[in-house]
Amino acid sequence: MADKQSTKPPGGTRDFLPDDVRRREYVIDVVRRVYERYGFEPLETPAFENIDTLLGKYGEEGNKLIFKILKRGEHEGTGEADLALRYDLTVPLARVVAQYQSELPKFFKRYQIQPVWRADRPARGRFREFYQCDIDSIGSTSALVEAETLSAVSEILLTLGFSDFVIRLNHRGVLSSLLDLAGVPSSKHAGALVALDKLDKVGRDGVAKEFAQRGIEDAAAAKALAYFVDRESVDVLGHTNDGVANLMAIMELVKGTRAHGHVRIDSSLARGLSYYTGAIMEIAVEGIGSLGGGGRYDNLIGMFLGRDVPACGFSLGLERIIVVMTERNMFPARVAGGGVDVMVTIWNDESRADALALAAELRNGGLRVDVYPEADKLGKQFKYASSRNVPCVAIVGDDERAQGLVAIKDMQSGEQTAHRREEVAGAVARKLELRT
C-alpha cells in the first residue's frame, strides 16, 4: 500500500475555511468602500506577467523572491523561464498605464485587490501567497496626493477598529542626502538602503554588519547609523532640503484629514524597493510590525513608457491585518460568530415542506438561514446548530403549527420564546442586535 499523501497546502500558503473567508470578505469590503469614497476606480491584472516585466524593478532582494514559471511544451527541457507570478500590484499597474495611456484620464486613481506571490521564507503573518489592497494615483506631483493616500489608509484602519497605529513617513531624497553626508558613495546607496530596510528585523548591529559586507567604510557606516537610527536626520539637513520640505508640506496637509495624529516623520524608515523616488510611508503597530506601506515612484512607469509619469501608491497587507484582528477579537459578532443567523429544524418528514417555506420567509426578512436536512431528534439538531455557532433555532412542532406559532430557541441563553409566524424574522433580528 502506498504511503499516505500529505494533505497540507504548500509552505507559505493556506486553505481558507468558511470563518477565514468571512473575515477576509469583511476586511476587503471595508477597504473597497473606503477606496471608492476617495475616488479610486477598480483594476485587475493577470496572475502572471512576462518575466522581463518584473525583473529589475524591485532591486536585488526583490529579484530573488520572484516565482518564475518555466517555459512549457517543447521548451520545457531548457529550464528557462519566460513568465513569472505577480510579485506586487505596482509594476503591473505601471505596465497598464503605459499600455492604455490614451484611454485613461489625466489623473488616474485606481484600487486593486488581488493576490501576489513571493518566494519568501514563511513567518508569522508573512506568506508566499497573499493579497494586497493597493491604491495608486497617477499623473500628479502634488503633496496633496500623499495626504489623500495617508487619509484613505488611516480611515480604513480606524473603521476596522485600530487606534494604536502610526504611519511612519520619510523621503528618498532625505535618505540620499544623509548617505551623502555620511560619506557613502552614490554607487552604494541602493545597497545601503536595502540594508537599512532590515533595521527592524536585524537591529543596528545587523545593519552595520551588512554595511561592511557591502563595502561601506566603517566611518561612513557609523555616521549613517547615527543619522538613521539615532533620528538626527531632519536637524542635520534643515528645511531647505527638497525632501525635508516635501515632508513638511505633507504633514501640513494631513492636519485636515483622517490621518491627523497618526503620521510621524521617521528617519529610520528606508523601504528597500528600488523604484521609490520621493516620500515613503509604512504603517506600524506596536508589537506587531508593518501592516502596509508605499510611497512615490515617479520613474517606474517611464521604464515602460519612455517618459516619466508621476505616481504614488500604498499597499495594505490584508493577511497581517486579519491575523491581528483575529488575535485581538476585533471582528463583529456577525462575522466572527458564523455564517448562519437561524436554523430551521425538521419536526418530522411530513413537515419538511413547511420547514422550507418558513426558511424562505426568514430569508425574505434578510436573515441567513439553514435548514436541518433530516427528521432527527431535536437534541441532535440543537447539537449540530451549536457546533456551527448558530445563534437561534426555529422550531415548528405540532402544537406550534396548530396555533400558527414558531418557537425560537436562543442557543446562547437556552431561552425559548414563541412568536406569530409573521413576527419571527423581526424577533430573530432583535436577538442578533443584542449580541453585537
Protein backbone atom coordinates (compact mmCIF):
# COMPACT_ATOMS: atom_id res chain seq x y z
CA MET A 1 0.00 0.00 0.00
CA ALA A 2 1.35 3.43 -0.95
CA ASP A 3 2.29 5.92 1.75
CA LYS A 4 -0.48 8.32 2.68
CA GLN A 5 -0.07 11.52 0.69
CA SER A 6 0.26 14.78 2.62
CA THR A 7 -2.86 16.94 2.60
CA LYS A 8 -1.12 20.10 3.78
CA PRO A 9 -1.04 23.03 1.33
CA PRO A 10 2.41 24.16 0.11
CA GLY A 11 4.51 26.04 2.67
CA GLY A 12 3.60 29.70 2.88
CA THR A 13 0.07 29.14 1.53
CA ARG A 14 -3.21 28.38 3.28
CA ASP A 15 -6.64 26.91 2.78
CA PHE A 16 -9.39 29.33 3.77
CA LEU A 17 -12.24 27.68 5.67
CA PRO A 18 -15.63 29.43 5.96
CA ASP A 19 -14.73 31.53 9.03
CA ASP A 20 -11.49 32.62 7.32
CA VAL A 21 -13.32 33.65 4.16
CA ARG A 22 -15.92 35.65 6.11
CA ARG A 23 -13.19 37.59 7.92
CA ARG A 24 -11.36 38.28 4.65
CA GLU A 25 -14.53 39.42 2.90
CA TYR A 26 -15.38 41.73 5.79
CA VAL A 27 -11.98 43.47 5.65
CA ILE A 28 -11.96 43.63 1.85
CA ASP A 29 -15.45 45.15 1.86
CA VAL A 30 -14.31 47.90 4.26
CA VAL A 31 -11.20 48.54 2.15
CA ARG A 32 -13.15 48.67 -1.11
CA ARG A 33 -15.82 51.05 0.27
CA VAL A 34 -13.24 53.48 1.64
CA TYR A 35 -11.13 53.41 -1.52
CA GLU A 36 -14.19 54.16 -3.64
CA ARG A 37 -15.20 57.05 -1.35
CA TYR A 38 -11.82 58.59 -2.15
CA GLY A 39 -12.45 58.37 -5.89
CA PHE A 40 -10.33 55.31 -6.71
CA GLU A 41 -11.54 53.02 -9.51
CA PRO A 42 -11.13 49.20 -9.72
CA LEU A 43 -8.47 47.46 -11.80
CA GLU A 44 -7.43 43.83 -12.20
CA THR A 45 -4.39 42.35 -13.98
CA PRO A 46 -3.28 38.76 -14.79
CA ALA A 47 -1.82 36.50 -12.10
CA PHE A 48 1.38 36.20 -14.13
CA GLU A 49 3.40 38.60 -16.24
CA ASN A 50 6.17 38.32 -18.79
CA ILE A 51 9.29 37.82 -16.71
CA ASP A 52 11.00 40.86 -18.26
CA THR A 53 8.14 42.99 -16.97
CA LEU A 54 9.07 42.13 -13.37
CA LEU A 55 12.84 41.62 -13.36
CA GLY A 56 14.91 44.66 -12.49
CA LYS A 57 12.02 46.60 -10.91
CA TYR A 58 12.40 45.61 -7.25
CA GLY A 59 16.12 45.72 -6.59
CA GLU A 60 18.43 42.85 -5.81
CA GLU A 61 16.36 41.46 -2.92
CA GLY A 62 13.11 41.53 -4.87
CA ASN A 63 14.55 39.76 -7.91
CA LYS A 64 15.46 36.78 -5.71
CA LEU A 65 11.87 36.43 -4.49
CA ILE A 66 10.10 36.31 -7.85
CA PHE A 67 8.34 32.99 -8.56
CA LYS A 68 9.47 32.12 -12.08
CA ILE A 69 7.41 29.97 -14.47
CA LEU A 70 9.44 27.65 -16.70
CA LYS A 71 8.87 27.54 -20.42
CA ARG A 72 6.39 24.89 -21.43
CA GLY A 73 5.95 22.27 -24.14
CA GLU A 74 8.95 21.70 -26.41
CA HIS A 75 10.94 24.33 -24.49
CA GLU A 76 10.38 22.71 -21.08
CA GLY A 77 13.76 20.97 -21.07
CA THR A 78 15.68 24.26 -21.29
CA GLY A 79 14.96 25.13 -17.67
CA GLU A 80 14.45 28.72 -18.72
CA ALA A 81 11.63 30.95 -17.51
CA ASP A 82 9.61 33.31 -19.67
CA LEU A 83 6.80 34.16 -17.24
CA ALA A 84 6.58 34.92 -13.51
CA LEU A 85 3.86 35.15 -10.90
CA ARG A 86 2.88 38.69 -9.98
CA TYR A 87 5.25 39.96 -7.22
CA ASP A 88 3.21 43.06 -6.40
CA LEU A 89 0.43 45.15 -7.93
CA THR A 90 2.50 48.27 -8.64
CA VAL A 91 4.63 47.08 -11.56
CA PRO A 92 1.60 45.58 -13.35
CA LEU A 93 -0.14 48.94 -12.86
CA ALA A 94 2.83 50.73 -14.45
CA ARG A 95 2.58 48.37 -17.42
CA VAL A 96 -1.17 49.02 -17.72
CA VAL A 97 -0.70 52.81 -17.64
CA ALA A 98 1.90 52.56 -20.40
CA GLN A 99 -0.30 50.22 -22.45
CA TYR A 100 -3.56 52.17 -22.16
CA GLN A 101 -2.30 55.74 -21.72
CA SER A 102 -4.64 57.18 -24.37
CA GLU A 103 -7.71 55.60 -22.71
CA LEU A 104 -7.03 56.69 -19.14
CA PRO A 105 -7.87 60.07 -17.56
CA LYS A 106 -5.18 62.68 -16.93
CA PHE A 107 -5.22 61.85 -13.23
CA PHE A 108 -5.81 58.11 -12.91
CA LYS A 109 -6.70 56.79 -9.45
CA ARG A 110 -7.09 53.05 -9.15
CA TYR A 111 -7.51 50.45 -6.44
CA GLN A 112 -6.62 46.78 -6.89
CA ILE A 113 -7.30 43.88 -4.51
CA GLN A 114 -5.66 40.70 -5.78
CA PRO A 115 -3.18 38.02 -4.64
CA VAL A 116 0.58 38.26 -5.21
CA TRP A 117 3.32 35.67 -4.79
CA ARG A 118 6.80 35.89 -3.29
CA ALA A 119 9.36 33.11 -2.79
CA ASP A 120 9.97 34.34 0.74
CA ARG A 121 10.60 32.44 3.96
CA PRO A 122 7.20 31.98 5.68
CA ALA A 123 6.82 33.57 9.12
CA ARG A 124 4.08 34.85 11.43
CA GLY A 125 1.84 37.00 9.26
CA ARG A 126 4.14 36.52 6.23
CA PHE A 127 3.14 34.17 3.43
CA ARG A 128 4.26 33.21 -0.06
CA GLU A 129 0.78 33.80 -1.44
CA PHE A 130 -1.11 36.77 -0.07
CA TYR A 131 -3.49 39.54 -1.04
CA GLN A 132 -2.55 43.17 -1.45
CA CYS A 133 -5.05 46.00 -1.27
CA ASP A 134 -3.49 48.81 -3.30
CA ILE A 135 -4.33 52.38 -4.16
CA ASP A 136 -2.31 54.43 -6.62
CA SER A 137 -2.63 57.95 -8.00
CA ILE A 138 -1.06 58.61 -11.40
CA GLY A 139 -0.30 61.96 -13.03
CA SER A 140 0.42 64.48 -10.27
CA THR A 141 3.46 65.51 -8.22
CA SER A 142 1.35 67.40 -5.68
CA ALA A 143 1.86 66.61 -1.98
CA LEU A 144 -1.94 66.51 -1.78
CA VAL A 145 -1.71 63.04 -3.34
CA GLU A 146 0.34 61.73 -0.40
CA ALA A 147 -2.03 63.41 2.07
CA GLU A 148 -5.09 61.79 0.46
CA THR A 149 -3.34 58.42 0.40
CA LEU A 150 -2.46 58.67 4.09
CA SER A 151 -6.02 59.72 4.89
CA ALA A 152 -7.56 56.79 3.00
CA VAL A 153 -5.46 54.10 4.69
CA SER A 154 -5.99 55.76 8.08
CA GLU A 155 -9.76 55.74 7.56
CA ILE A 156 -9.63 52.03 6.72
CA LEU A 157 -7.72 51.19 9.89
CA LEU A 158 -9.98 53.37 12.04
CA THR A 159 -13.08 51.77 10.52
CA LEU A 160 -11.68 48.30 11.26
CA GLY A 161 -11.13 49.29 14.90
CA PHE A 162 -7.40 50.08 15.00
CA SER A 163 -6.40 53.06 17.12
CA ASP A 164 -2.79 52.27 18.08
CA PHE A 165 -1.24 52.66 14.65
CA VAL A 166 1.37 55.12 13.43
CA ILE A 167 2.20 55.80 9.79
CA ARG A 168 5.95 56.33 9.53
CA LEU A 169 6.90 58.88 6.88
CA ASN A 170 10.24 59.55 5.23
CA HIS A 171 11.64 60.61 1.85
CA ARG A 172 14.11 59.01 -0.54
CA GLY A 173 15.67 62.42 -1.11
CA VAL A 174 16.33 62.70 2.63
CA LEU A 175 17.85 59.23 2.69
CA SER A 176 20.14 60.00 -0.26
CA SER A 177 21.24 63.34 1.22
CA LEU A 178 22.07 61.71 4.54
CA LEU A 179 24.03 58.94 2.87
CA ASP A 180 25.99 61.62 1.00
CA LEU A 181 26.66 63.46 4.25
CA ALA A 182 27.76 60.25 5.90
CA GLY A 183 30.29 59.66 3.10
CA VAL A 184 28.58 56.68 1.46
CA PRO A 185 29.37 56.72 -2.30
CA SER A 186 26.31 57.14 -4.53
CA SER A 187 27.13 53.82 -6.21
CA LYS A 188 26.45 52.10 -2.86
CA HIS A 189 23.23 53.97 -1.96
CA ALA A 190 20.89 51.27 -3.26
CA GLY A 191 22.64 48.55 -1.26
CA ALA A 192 22.77 50.74 1.84
CA LEU A 193 19.00 51.30 1.67
CA VAL A 194 18.36 47.57 1.31
CA ALA A 195 20.40 47.06 4.50
CA LEU A 196 18.66 49.88 6.34
CA ASP A 197 15.26 48.45 5.41
CA LYS A 198 16.13 45.42 7.55
CA LEU A 199 16.69 47.51 10.70
CA ASP A 200 13.54 46.24 12.43
CA LYS A 201 14.49 42.62 11.71
CA VAL A 202 18.26 42.54 12.36
CA GLY A 203 18.83 45.58 14.58
CA ARG A 204 21.62 48.15 14.48
CA ASP A 205 24.41 45.56 14.67
CA GLY A 206 22.90 43.55 11.84
CA VAL A 207 22.71 46.62 9.60
CA ALA A 208 26.30 47.55 10.49
CA LYS A 209 27.43 44.05 9.55
CA GLU A 210 25.65 44.24 6.19
CA PHE A 211 27.14 47.69 5.56
CA ALA A 212 30.56 46.13 5.96
CA GLN A 213 29.67 43.25 3.65
CA ARG A 214 28.61 45.80 1.03
CA GLY A 215 31.96 47.57 1.19
CA ILE A 216 30.82 50.68 3.07
CA GLU A 217 33.70 52.05 5.14
CA ASP A 218 33.41 51.99 8.93
CA ALA A 219 33.42 55.80 9.37
CA ALA A 220 30.66 56.28 6.79
CA ALA A 221 28.66 53.39 8.24
CA ALA A 222 28.89 54.85 11.76
CA LYS A 223 27.68 58.27 10.57
CA ALA A 224 24.84 56.73 8.57
CA LEU A 225 23.66 54.69 11.55
CA ALA A 226 23.76 57.81 13.74
CA TYR A 227 21.58 59.67 11.26
CA PHE A 228 19.09 56.88 10.66
CA VAL A 229 18.94 55.02 13.96
CA ASP A 230 19.53 57.96 16.33
CA ARG A 231 16.99 60.04 14.39
CA GLU A 232 19.19 63.08 13.75
CA SER A 233 18.28 63.44 10.07
CA VAL A 234 15.91 66.41 9.76
CA ASP A 235 18.01 68.53 12.13
CA VAL A 236 21.14 67.71 10.12
CA LEU A 237 19.66 68.61 6.74
CA GLY A 238 17.48 71.58 7.63
CA HIS A 239 14.25 72.62 5.94
CA THR A 240 15.96 73.83 2.75
CA ASN A 241 16.47 70.24 1.66
CA ASP A 242 13.86 69.37 -1.01
CA GLY A 243 12.98 66.09 0.64
CA VAL A 244 12.51 67.68 4.06
CA ALA A 245 10.41 70.47 2.53
CA ASN A 246 8.19 67.89 0.88
CA LEU A 247 7.73 66.06 4.17
CA MET A 248 6.78 69.31 5.89
CA ALA A 249 4.22 70.03 3.16
CA ILE A 250 2.67 66.57 3.56
CA MET A 251 2.50 66.93 7.34
CA GLU A 252 0.74 70.29 6.99
CA LEU A 253 -1.83 68.91 4.54
CA VAL A 254 -2.50 65.83 6.69
CA LYS A 255 -3.82 68.04 9.51
CA GLY A 256 -7.21 68.32 7.82
CA THR A 257 -7.61 64.59 7.11
CA ARG A 258 -8.39 61.32 8.89
CA ALA A 259 -4.64 60.71 9.12
CA HIS A 260 -4.15 63.63 11.52
CA GLY A 261 -2.37 62.49 14.67
CA HIS A 262 -1.29 59.19 13.13
CA VAL A 263 1.59 60.31 10.87
CA ARG A 264 5.15 60.68 12.17
CA ILE A 265 8.36 61.53 10.32
CA ASP A 266 10.79 58.68 10.97
CA SER A 267 14.34 58.95 9.64
CA SER A 268 14.95 55.21 10.10
CA LEU A 269 12.33 54.25 7.52
CA ALA A 270 14.03 53.13 4.29
CA ARG A 271 11.82 50.64 2.36
CA GLY A 272 14.05 48.51 0.17
CA LEU A 273 12.19 48.56 -3.14
CA SER A 274 14.37 50.40 -5.62
CA TYR A 275 11.60 52.14 -7.58
CA TYR A 276 10.70 54.70 -4.87
CA THR A 277 11.75 58.26 -5.70
CA GLY A 278 10.09 60.52 -3.12
CA ALA A 279 8.01 60.20 0.04
CA ILE A 280 7.84 56.71 1.54
CA MET A 281 5.42 55.53 4.23
CA GLU A 282 4.70 52.48 6.35
CA ILE A 283 2.04 51.57 8.92
CA ALA A 284 3.47 50.43 12.24
CA VAL A 285 1.59 48.86 15.17
CA GLU A 286 3.45 48.39 18.45
CA GLY A 287 4.41 44.75 18.96
CA ILE A 288 3.02 43.74 15.57
CA GLY A 289 5.19 45.35 12.89
CA SER A 290 4.13 46.63 9.50
CA LEU A 291 0.54 46.46 8.21
CA GLY A 292 1.36 48.04 4.86
CA GLY A 293 3.45 50.63 3.11
CA GLY A 294 4.04 52.62 -0.02
CA GLY A 295 5.45 55.78 -1.48
CA ARG A 296 6.08 57.90 -4.55
CA TYR A 297 7.62 56.31 -7.65
CA ASP A 298 7.87 58.90 -10.42
CA ASN A 299 10.24 56.92 -12.65
CA LEU A 300 8.75 53.42 -12.74
CA ILE A 301 6.15 53.96 -15.46
CA GLY A 302 8.86 55.56 -17.59
CA MET A 303 10.62 52.16 -17.73
CA PHE A 304 7.69 51.01 -19.90
CA LEU A 305 6.60 54.28 -21.50
CA GLY A 306 9.87 56.02 -22.28
CA ARG A 307 8.94 59.16 -20.34
CA ASP A 308 8.46 59.67 -16.63
CA VAL A 309 4.95 59.84 -15.18
CA PRO A 310 4.43 60.91 -11.54
CA ALA A 311 2.85 58.26 -9.34
CA CYS A 312 2.24 57.50 -5.67
CA GLY A 313 0.69 54.46 -4.04
CA PHE A 314 0.10 52.43 -0.91
CA SER A 315 -0.41 48.72 -0.27
CA LEU A 316 -2.26 47.34 2.74
CA GLY A 317 -1.20 43.89 4.00
CA LEU A 318 -4.57 42.14 4.16
CA GLU A 319 -3.22 38.91 5.66
CA ARG A 320 -1.43 40.56 8.55
CA ILE A 321 -4.40 42.82 9.27
CA ILE A 322 -6.64 39.75 9.52
CA VAL A 323 -4.16 37.92 11.76
CA VAL A 324 -4.00 40.87 14.17
CA MET A 325 -7.77 41.43 14.15
CA THR A 326 -8.38 37.74 14.87
CA GLU A 327 -5.88 37.70 17.74
CA ARG A 328 -7.46 40.84 19.21
CA ASN A 329 -11.08 39.68 18.70
CA MET A 330 -11.79 42.78 16.61
CA PHE A 331 -14.33 41.25 14.23
CA PRO A 332 -18.05 41.98 14.76
CA ALA A 333 -20.10 39.13 16.20
CA ARG A 334 -21.91 38.61 12.90
CA VAL A 335 -18.57 37.95 11.17
CA ALA A 336 -16.83 36.04 13.95
CA GLY A 337 -19.85 34.02 15.05
CA GLY A 338 -20.60 32.12 11.87
CA GLY A 339 -22.42 32.30 8.58
CA VAL A 340 -25.96 31.44 9.74
CA ASP A 341 -28.39 33.56 11.76
CA VAL A 342 -31.07 30.93 12.35
CA MET A 343 -31.51 27.22 11.67
CA VAL A 344 -34.94 25.76 10.95
CA THR A 345 -35.46 22.30 12.47
CA ILE A 346 -37.36 19.41 10.93
CA TRP A 347 -40.11 18.09 13.22
CA ASN A 348 -40.95 15.04 11.06
CA ASP A 349 -40.88 14.01 7.42
CA GLU A 350 -44.37 15.43 6.85
CA SER A 351 -43.24 18.89 7.97
CA ARG A 352 -40.30 19.24 5.56
CA ALA A 353 -42.18 21.35 3.01
CA ASP A 354 -43.41 23.67 5.75
CA ALA A 355 -39.86 23.99 7.11
CA LEU A 356 -38.64 25.07 3.68
CA ALA A 357 -41.48 27.58 3.43
CA LEU A 358 -40.53 29.05 6.83
CA ALA A 359 -36.89 29.27 5.74
CA ALA A 360 -37.94 31.19 2.63
CA GLU A 361 -39.96 33.64 4.75
CA LEU A 362 -37.00 34.23 7.06
CA ARG A 363 -34.63 34.74 4.11
CA ASN A 364 -37.05 37.28 2.69
CA GLY A 365 -36.69 39.04 6.04
CA GLY A 366 -32.94 39.46 5.39
CA LEU A 367 -31.69 36.58 7.56
CA ARG A 368 -29.10 33.94 6.74
CA VAL A 369 -30.97 30.66 7.15
CA ASP A 370 -30.02 27.00 7.17
CA VAL A 371 -32.43 24.05 7.25
CA TYR A 372 -31.52 20.85 9.05
CA PRO A 373 -31.88 18.19 6.32
CA GLU A 374 -33.28 15.25 8.32
CA ALA A 375 -36.05 14.50 10.84
CA ASP A 376 -33.60 13.79 13.70
CA LYS A 377 -34.22 14.07 17.40
CA LEU A 378 -34.34 17.73 18.44
CA GLY A 379 -31.36 17.22 20.74
CA LYS A 380 -29.20 16.19 17.80
CA GLN A 381 -30.42 19.17 15.78
CA PHE A 382 -29.59 21.54 18.64
CA LYS A 383 -26.15 19.96 18.99
CA TYR A 384 -25.49 20.48 15.27
CA ALA A 385 -26.60 24.12 15.47
CA SER A 386 -24.30 24.65 18.44
CA SER A 387 -21.34 23.11 16.58
CA ARG A 388 -21.86 25.70 13.82
CA ASN A 389 -22.26 28.61 16.26
CA VAL A 390 -25.83 29.23 15.04
CA PRO A 391 -27.32 31.78 17.46
CA CYS A 392 -31.02 30.88 17.03
CA VAL A 393 -33.04 27.79 16.16
CA ALA A 394 -36.62 27.86 14.82
CA ILE A 395 -38.93 25.04 15.87
CA VAL A 396 -42.39 24.29 14.49
CA GLY A 397 -43.86 21.31 16.35
CA ASP A 398 -47.41 20.04 16.14
CA ASP A 399 -48.63 22.38 18.91
CA GLU A 400 -46.93 25.45 17.38
CA ARG A 401 -48.31 24.64 13.94
CA ALA A 402 -51.84 24.32 15.27
CA GLN A 403 -51.57 27.78 16.88
CA GLY A 404 -49.78 29.48 13.97
CA LEU A 405 -46.66 29.99 16.10
CA VAL A 406 -42.94 29.39 15.76
CA ALA A 407 -40.69 28.72 18.77
CA ILE A 408 -37.29 30.43 18.77
CA LYS A 409 -34.53 28.96 20.92
CA ASP A 410 -31.65 31.25 21.84
CA MET A 411 -28.65 28.91 21.72
CA GLN A 412 -26.57 31.11 23.99
CA SER A 413 -29.01 31.58 26.87
CA GLY A 414 -31.15 28.48 26.27
CA GLU A 415 -34.29 30.65 26.44
CA GLN A 416 -37.16 29.60 24.19
CA THR A 417 -39.94 32.00 23.14
CA ALA A 418 -42.99 31.66 20.88
CA HIS A 419 -43.88 34.14 18.15
CA ARG A 420 -46.50 34.55 15.46
CA ARG A 421 -45.09 33.33 12.18
CA GLU A 422 -45.06 36.76 10.55
CA GLU A 423 -43.11 38.16 13.53
CA VAL A 424 -40.33 35.53 13.62
CA ALA A 425 -37.84 37.33 11.32
CA GLY A 426 -38.06 40.51 13.42
CA ALA A 427 -37.72 38.56 16.68
CA VAL A 428 -34.55 36.83 15.46
CA ALA A 429 -33.12 40.11 14.14
CA ARG A 430 -33.64 41.73 17.56
CA LYS A 431 -31.85 38.87 19.29
CA LEU A 432 -28.93 39.26 16.89
CA GLU A 433 -28.74 43.02 17.52
CA LEU A 434 -28.39 42.39 21.27
CA ARG A 435 -25.27 40.33 20.56
CA THR A 436 -23.41 42.94 18.50
